[in-house]
Amino acid sequence: MKKRFVFAGEVKEVIAKGLDKMELPEGTKFSPEAADLIKEKGIRVIFTAAGADTREKESGTGRIEDRTEAAKTESVGALIAVASPGKTATDVVGSVAARSPFFLLFNEKGELVEVLENPYRESGGGAGPLVAELLAKKGVATMVAGNFGMNIKTSLNEIGLHHLAFQGKAGDAVQAALRQSA
C-alpha cells in the first residue's frame, strides 16, 4: 500500500475548497501542523484499508472513518527514490542522500518513471528534512543512497519512509529495495 505524509498545505487546500473530509490510505501520517488544522477545523479523515469494516473512530485529529480499499481507492504501488549524480538506471547511487543532484523514481516493477532534480542540493543547511518532505509528497516509500546523514535519517523515520544504504548502480539498488520490501 502506498504510504503518504500529509502536510499543512494539503489541509489548507481542503479547507479552501470548502470540503469537510479527506480520504487517505491507511497508514497515512500527518505533520503536527496538519494534525492541528484537522482538529481545529473538524475535518473528517477517512482511512481506506483492504478488508476493513466501515466504522467511525474518534481520534485526536478529528472523526475518522474506515472503508474498504476496493470500494474507495485504487491500489497504487509505492515509489522507490534513488539518489544519483546521473539520470539513468545505469548511473551509480549517489554517495550523499540529501545533496544528490537527482532522485530517480522507480515504480514497484523496477521501472524508471521520473527523474527529479534535487532543488535542495545547494541549500545552506537543513536539506535532509526538505528532501524527505519532497519525496513523501511524490509518493516515495523507500529512499536509497550511499550514505544518510542524521537529519535525513530522522526525517525519513518520522515520515515513515524506509531508507536503504547501497553502493552500486541505481537499477541494482532498486532490485535490492524491492527484495527487501517483499
Protein backbone atom coordinates (compact mmCIF):
# COMPACT_ATOMS: atom_id res chain seq x y z
CA MET A 1 0.00 0.00 0.00
CA LYS A 2 1.23 3.47 -0.84
CA LYS A 3 2.32 5.43 2.22
CA ARG A 4 1.55 9.12 2.46
CA PHE A 5 2.51 12.05 4.57
CA VAL A 6 0.09 14.98 4.81
CA PHE A 7 1.40 18.49 5.40
CA ALA A 8 -0.49 21.62 6.44
CA GLY A 9 -0.61 22.92 2.85
CA GLU A 10 -2.73 19.98 1.73
CA VAL A 11 -5.16 20.51 4.62
CA LYS A 12 -5.39 24.21 3.77
CA GLU A 13 -6.33 23.27 0.19
CA VAL A 14 -9.15 21.06 1.51
CA ILE A 15 -10.38 23.93 3.70
CA ALA A 16 -10.13 26.43 0.81
CA LYS A 17 -12.30 24.15 -1.34
CA GLY A 18 -14.92 24.11 1.42
CA LEU A 19 -14.58 20.37 1.99
CA ASP A 20 -15.07 18.77 5.38
CA LYS A 21 -13.31 15.43 4.78
CA MET A 22 -10.13 13.88 3.43
CA GLU A 23 -9.92 10.30 2.09
CA LEU A 24 -6.45 8.82 2.60
CA PRO A 25 -4.82 5.38 2.59
CA GLU A 26 -4.44 3.62 5.94
CA GLY A 27 -1.04 4.34 7.45
CA THR A 28 -1.02 7.98 6.35
CA LYS A 29 0.96 10.17 8.71
CA PHE A 30 0.41 13.85 9.46
CA SER A 31 2.76 16.70 10.23
CA PRO A 32 1.99 18.32 13.60
CA GLU A 33 0.69 21.44 11.80
CA ALA A 34 -1.61 19.36 9.59
CA ALA A 35 -2.97 17.44 12.60
CA ASP A 36 -3.65 20.70 14.44
CA LEU A 37 -5.54 22.14 11.45
CA ILE A 38 -7.61 18.97 11.04
CA LYS A 39 -8.58 19.05 14.70
CA GLU A 40 -9.23 22.81 14.75
CA LYS A 41 -11.44 22.78 11.64
CA GLY A 42 -13.18 19.47 12.42
CA ILE A 43 -12.09 17.87 9.16
CA ARG A 44 -13.20 14.24 8.86
CA VAL A 45 -10.33 11.91 7.88
CA ILE A 46 -11.41 8.71 6.14
CA PHE A 47 -8.81 5.97 6.08
CA THR A 48 -9.24 3.28 3.46
CA ALA A 49 -7.86 -0.19 4.03
CA ALA A 50 -8.29 -3.55 2.31
CA GLY A 51 -10.80 -5.69 4.15
CA ALA A 52 -11.68 -3.07 6.76
CA ASP A 53 -15.21 -2.82 8.06
CA THR A 54 -16.82 0.58 7.65
CA ARG A 55 -16.72 2.22 11.07
CA GLU A 56 -16.11 5.60 12.58
CA LYS A 57 -13.47 6.26 15.20
CA GLU A 58 -12.80 9.22 17.40
CA SER A 59 -9.22 10.44 17.40
CA GLY A 60 -7.13 13.42 18.36
CA THR A 61 -7.24 14.62 14.76
CA GLY A 62 -11.00 14.55 14.22
CA ARG A 63 -13.56 11.94 13.25
CA ILE A 64 -12.03 9.04 11.35
CA GLU A 65 -13.94 6.52 9.27
CA ASP A 66 -12.56 3.29 7.74
CA ARG A 67 -13.87 1.92 4.43
CA THR A 68 -12.77 -0.93 2.22
CA GLU A 69 -9.93 -0.04 -0.10
CA ALA A 70 -11.57 -1.82 -3.01
CA ALA A 71 -14.58 0.45 -2.77
CA LYS A 72 -12.78 3.74 -2.20
CA THR A 73 -9.21 3.69 -3.58
CA GLU A 74 -7.27 2.22 -6.41
CA SER A 75 -4.29 0.14 -5.33
CA VAL A 76 -1.12 2.06 -6.19
CA GLY A 77 2.42 0.85 -5.70
CA ALA A 78 4.81 2.98 -3.74
CA LEU A 79 7.82 4.58 -5.41
CA ILE A 80 11.49 3.99 -4.70
CA ALA A 81 13.75 7.06 -4.89
CA VAL A 82 17.42 6.51 -5.67
CA ALA A 83 19.84 9.38 -5.06
CA SER A 84 22.12 9.65 -8.09
CA PRO A 85 24.54 12.02 -9.80
CA GLY A 86 23.05 10.90 -13.15
CA LYS A 87 19.66 10.47 -14.77
CA THR A 88 19.56 6.78 -15.74
CA ALA A 89 19.22 3.40 -14.05
CA THR A 90 22.79 2.58 -15.12
CA ASP A 91 24.21 5.54 -13.18
CA VAL A 92 25.70 4.94 -9.73
CA VAL A 93 23.86 5.53 -6.48
CA GLY A 94 24.74 8.94 -5.05
CA SER A 95 27.07 8.92 -2.09
CA VAL A 96 25.12 11.52 -0.06
CA ALA A 97 21.33 11.30 0.20
CA ALA A 98 20.20 14.90 0.69
CA ARG A 99 22.82 16.56 -1.56
CA SER A 100 22.48 14.29 -4.58
CA PRO A 101 21.85 16.14 -7.86
CA PHE A 102 18.95 13.85 -8.86
CA PHE A 103 16.43 11.41 -7.44
CA LEU A 104 15.47 8.61 -9.78
CA LEU A 105 11.92 7.45 -9.07
CA PHE A 106 11.11 3.82 -9.82
CA ASN A 107 7.75 2.05 -9.62
CA GLU A 108 7.04 -1.31 -7.95
CA LYS A 109 8.09 -3.09 -11.18
CA GLY A 110 11.54 -1.51 -11.07
CA GLU A 111 10.82 0.82 -13.99
CA LEU A 112 12.25 4.34 -14.01
CA VAL A 113 9.19 6.61 -14.09
CA GLU A 114 10.61 10.05 -13.25
CA VAL A 115 13.88 11.91 -12.82
CA LEU A 116 13.55 14.56 -10.14
CA GLU A 117 16.15 17.30 -9.86
CA ASN A 118 17.09 17.99 -6.24
CA PRO A 119 16.11 21.62 -5.52
CA TYR A 120 17.87 21.46 -2.12
CA ARG A 121 21.27 20.26 -3.35
CA GLU A 122 22.89 23.65 -2.78
CA SER A 123 20.82 24.83 0.20
CA GLY A 124 22.73 26.20 3.17
CA GLY A 125 21.52 23.76 5.77
CA GLY A 126 18.64 21.50 6.64
CA ALA A 127 18.45 19.81 3.25
CA GLY A 128 17.60 16.43 4.81
CA PRO A 129 14.14 17.30 6.15
CA LEU A 130 13.29 19.20 2.96
CA VAL A 131 14.28 16.27 0.75
CA ALA A 132 12.32 13.85 2.94
CA GLU A 133 9.21 16.05 2.63
CA LEU A 134 9.66 16.39 -1.15
CA LEU A 135 9.96 12.63 -1.63
CA ALA A 136 6.98 11.91 0.63
CA LYS A 137 4.83 14.28 -1.43
CA LYS A 138 5.90 12.40 -4.57
CA GLY A 139 4.65 9.10 -3.12
CA VAL A 140 8.03 7.60 -2.27
CA ALA A 141 8.05 4.75 0.26
CA THR A 142 11.78 3.90 0.17
CA MET A 143 14.86 6.04 -0.41
CA VAL A 144 18.20 4.59 -1.48
CA ALA A 145 21.58 6.35 -1.22
CA GLY A 146 25.19 5.56 -0.46
CA ASN A 147 25.06 7.34 2.91
CA PHE A 148 22.44 9.06 5.02
CA GLY A 149 23.10 11.98 7.33
CA MET A 150 21.45 12.15 10.74
CA ASN A 151 18.93 14.84 9.71
CA ILE A 152 17.57 12.97 6.73
CA LYS A 153 17.50 9.66 8.64
CA THR A 154 15.46 11.27 11.41
CA SER A 155 13.11 12.94 8.93
CA LEU A 156 12.58 9.78 6.89
CA ASN A 157 11.82 7.82 10.06
CA GLU A 158 9.37 10.46 11.32
CA ILE A 159 7.53 10.45 7.99
CA GLY A 160 7.51 6.66 7.83
CA LEU A 161 9.74 6.20 4.80
CA HIS A 162 12.26 3.38 4.63
CA HIS A 163 15.88 4.02 3.73
CA LEU A 164 18.49 1.70 2.33
CA ALA A 165 22.24 2.31 2.06
CA PHE A 166 23.56 0.84 -1.18
CA GLN A 167 26.77 1.03 -3.25
CA GLY A 168 26.47 0.29 -6.96
CA LYS A 169 24.21 1.08 -9.88
CA ALA A 170 20.77 2.62 -9.41
CA GLY A 171 18.99 -0.26 -11.16
CA ASP A 172 20.66 -2.80 -8.87
CA ALA A 173 19.71 -0.67 -5.85
CA VAL A 174 16.06 -0.76 -6.88
CA GLN A 175 16.13 -4.54 -7.16
CA ALA A 176 17.66 -4.74 -3.66
CA ALA A 177 14.96 -2.42 -2.31
CA LEU A 178 12.22 -4.49 -3.96
CA ARG A 179 13.65 -7.70 -2.47
CA GLN A 180 13.83 -6.07 0.96
CA SER A 181 10.18 -4.96 0.83
CA ALA A 182 8.89 -8.34 -0.39
